[in-house]
Amino acid sequence: MGIWQGPGGIEVEAVVFDDGPCLRVTRRISGERVLVAYCADVREVDKLVDLAELVKTP
């Protein structure tokens, strides 16, 4: 899969949660990952993050 990073320490990652796929949005604060939300689809992520600013990490 992969992790997409955005400004301000935002990270979006495709994961499995409760036996279903979802997108986990976290923010890095002082080196720690803090959960922002679990999103069912990209539309929900778009409400939290500007999708155009996300870049996939290598």
N, C-alpha and C. Protein backbone atom coordinates (compact mmCIF):
# COMPACT_ATOMS: atom_id res chain seq x y z
N MET A 1 0.85 -1.17 0.00
CA MET A 1 0.00 0.00 0.00
C MET A 1 0.90 1.24 0.00
N GLY A 2 0.92 1.93 1.10
CA GLY A 2 1.77 3.10 1.19
C GLY A 2 1.23 4.11 2.16
N ILE A 3 2.04 5.08 2.40
CA ILE A 3 1.66 6.19 3.27
C ILE A 3 1.80 7.47 2.47
N TRP A 4 0.80 8.32 2.56
CA TRP A 4 0.84 9.62 1.92
C TRP A 4 1.07 10.66 3.00
N GLN A 5 1.97 11.60 2.75
CA GLN A 5 2.28 12.63 3.73
C GLN A 5 1.84 13.99 3.21
N GLY A 6 1.44 14.83 4.15
CA GLY A 6 1.03 16.18 3.83
C GLY A 6 1.68 17.16 4.78
N PRO A 7 1.40 18.42 4.60
CA PRO A 7 1.99 19.44 5.46
C PRO A 7 1.50 19.31 6.90
N GLY A 8 2.31 19.79 7.81
CA GLY A 8 1.93 19.78 9.22
C GLY A 8 1.99 18.41 9.86
N GLY A 9 2.74 17.48 9.25
CA GLY A 9 2.90 16.17 9.84
C GLY A 9 1.76 15.20 9.58
N ILE A 10 0.86 15.55 8.67
CA ILE A 10 -0.28 14.68 8.35
C ILE A 10 0.21 13.45 7.59
N GLU A 11 -0.34 12.29 7.96
CA GLU A 11 -0.07 11.05 7.24
C GLU A 11 -1.39 10.32 7.01
N VAL A 12 -1.57 9.78 5.81
CA VAL A 12 -2.76 9.01 5.47
C VAL A 12 -2.29 7.64 5.02
N GLU A 13 -2.88 6.60 5.61
CA GLU A 13 -2.45 5.24 5.34
C GLU A 13 -3.67 4.34 5.18
N ALA A 14 -3.64 3.47 4.16
CA ALA A 14 -4.70 2.48 3.97
C ALA A 14 -4.45 1.34 4.94
N VAL A 15 -5.46 1.00 5.75
CA VAL A 15 -5.35 -0.05 6.76
C VAL A 15 -6.63 -0.87 6.79
N VAL A 16 -6.59 -1.97 7.53
CA VAL A 16 -7.80 -2.76 7.79
C VAL A 16 -8.18 -2.53 9.25
N PHE A 17 -9.43 -2.14 9.47
CA PHE A 17 -9.93 -1.85 10.81
C PHE A 17 -11.30 -2.49 10.94
N ASP A 18 -11.53 -3.26 11.99
CA ASP A 18 -12.80 -3.98 12.17
C ASP A 18 -13.14 -4.82 10.95
N ASP A 19 -12.15 -5.53 10.43
CA ASP A 19 -12.30 -6.43 9.28
C ASP A 19 -12.68 -5.73 7.97
N GLY A 20 -12.49 -4.43 7.89
CA GLY A 20 -12.79 -3.72 6.65
C GLY A 20 -11.72 -2.70 6.33
N PRO A 21 -11.56 -2.39 5.04
CA PRO A 21 -10.55 -1.40 4.65
C PRO A 21 -10.99 0.01 5.04
N CYS A 22 -10.02 0.82 5.43
CA CYS A 22 -10.30 2.22 5.71
C CYS A 22 -9.01 3.02 5.57
N LEU A 23 -9.11 4.30 5.71
CA LEU A 23 -7.96 5.19 5.64
C LEU A 23 -7.75 5.81 7.01
N ARG A 24 -6.54 5.62 7.55
CA ARG A 24 -6.21 6.17 8.87
C ARG A 24 -5.46 7.48 8.66
N VAL A 25 -5.97 8.54 9.27
CA VAL A 25 -5.33 9.85 9.20
C VAL A 25 -4.68 10.13 10.55
N THR A 26 -3.38 10.38 10.52
CA THR A 26 -2.65 10.70 11.74
C THR A 26 -1.86 11.98 11.53
N ARG A 27 -1.38 12.52 12.63
CA ARG A 27 -0.51 13.71 12.58
C ARG A 27 0.68 13.43 13.48
N ARG A 28 1.86 13.77 12.99
CA ARG A 28 3.07 13.63 13.81
C ARG A 28 3.24 14.90 14.64
N ILE A 29 3.27 14.69 15.96
CA ILE A 29 3.47 15.80 16.89
C ILE A 29 4.62 15.42 17.80
N SER A 30 5.70 16.16 17.74
CA SER A 30 6.90 15.89 18.55
C SER A 30 7.37 14.45 18.38
N GLY A 31 7.35 13.96 17.15
CA GLY A 31 7.83 12.62 16.85
C GLY A 31 6.83 11.51 17.13
N GLU A 32 5.70 11.81 17.72
CA GLU A 32 4.67 10.82 18.04
C GLU A 32 3.54 10.90 17.01
N ARG A 33 2.97 9.75 16.64
CA ARG A 33 1.81 9.73 15.76
C ARG A 33 0.55 9.83 16.61
N VAL A 34 -0.30 10.79 16.27
CA VAL A 34 -1.56 11.00 16.99
C VAL A 34 -2.70 10.75 16.00
N LEU A 35 -3.64 9.90 16.39
CA LEU A 35 -4.77 9.58 15.52
C LEU A 35 -5.68 10.79 15.34
N VAL A 36 -5.99 11.09 14.09
CA VAL A 36 -6.95 12.15 13.78
C VAL A 36 -8.31 11.52 13.49
N ALA A 37 -8.32 10.49 12.61
CA ALA A 37 -9.60 9.85 12.26
C ALA A 37 -9.36 8.58 11.47
N TYR A 38 -10.35 7.69 11.51
CA TYR A 38 -10.46 6.59 10.58
C TYR A 38 -11.53 6.99 9.59
N CYS A 39 -11.22 6.94 8.31
CA CYS A 39 -12.15 7.38 7.27
C CYS A 39 -12.53 6.21 6.38
N ALA A 40 -13.82 6.13 6.04
CA ALA A 40 -14.32 5.05 5.19
C ALA A 40 -13.90 5.21 3.74
N ASP A 41 -13.71 6.46 3.30
CA ASP A 41 -13.34 6.70 1.90
C ASP A 41 -12.60 8.03 1.76
N VAL A 42 -12.17 8.28 0.55
CA VAL A 42 -11.36 9.48 0.27
C VAL A 42 -12.16 10.77 0.49
N ARG A 43 -13.47 10.72 0.28
CA ARG A 43 -14.28 11.93 0.52
C ARG A 43 -14.19 12.38 1.97
N GLU A 44 -14.15 11.42 2.89
CA GLU A 44 -14.01 11.77 4.30
C GLU A 44 -12.63 12.35 4.59
N VAL A 45 -11.60 11.78 3.97
CA VAL A 45 -10.23 12.31 4.14
C VAL A 45 -10.17 13.73 3.62
N ASP A 46 -10.84 13.99 2.50
CA ASP A 46 -10.82 15.32 1.88
C ASP A 46 -11.39 16.39 2.81
N LYS A 47 -12.25 16.01 3.73
CA LYS A 47 -12.80 16.98 4.69
C LYS A 47 -11.75 17.39 5.72
N LEU A 48 -10.72 16.55 5.90
CA LEU A 48 -9.69 16.80 6.91
C LEU A 48 -8.38 17.31 6.33
N VAL A 49 -8.10 16.93 5.07
CA VAL A 49 -6.80 17.17 4.47
C VAL A 49 -7.00 17.64 3.03
N ASP A 50 -6.17 18.57 2.58
CA ASP A 50 -6.18 18.96 1.17
C ASP A 50 -5.48 17.85 0.38
N LEU A 51 -6.24 17.06 -0.36
CA LEU A 51 -5.70 15.90 -1.07
C LEU A 51 -4.61 16.29 -2.06
N ALA A 52 -4.67 17.48 -2.62
CA ALA A 52 -3.69 17.91 -3.60
C ALA A 52 -2.30 18.09 -2.97
N GLU A 53 -2.24 18.22 -1.66
CA GLU A 53 -0.96 18.42 -0.99
C GLU A 53 -0.33 17.12 -0.53
N LEU A 54 -1.01 16.00 -0.68
CA LEU A 54 -0.46 14.71 -0.25
C LEU A 54 0.53 14.17 -1.27
N VAL A 55 1.63 13.62 -0.77
CA VAL A 55 2.62 12.94 -1.63
C VAL A 55 2.89 11.57 -1.05
N LYS A 56 3.05 10.59 -1.93
CA LYS A 56 3.31 9.22 -1.49
C LYS A 56 4.77 9.10 -1.06
N THR A 57 4.98 8.45 0.08
CA THR A 57 6.34 8.24 0.54
C THR A 57 6.93 7.05 -0.23
N PRO A 58 8.22 7.10 -0.47
CA PRO A 58 8.86 6.00 -1.22
C PRO A 58 8.90 4.71 -0.45
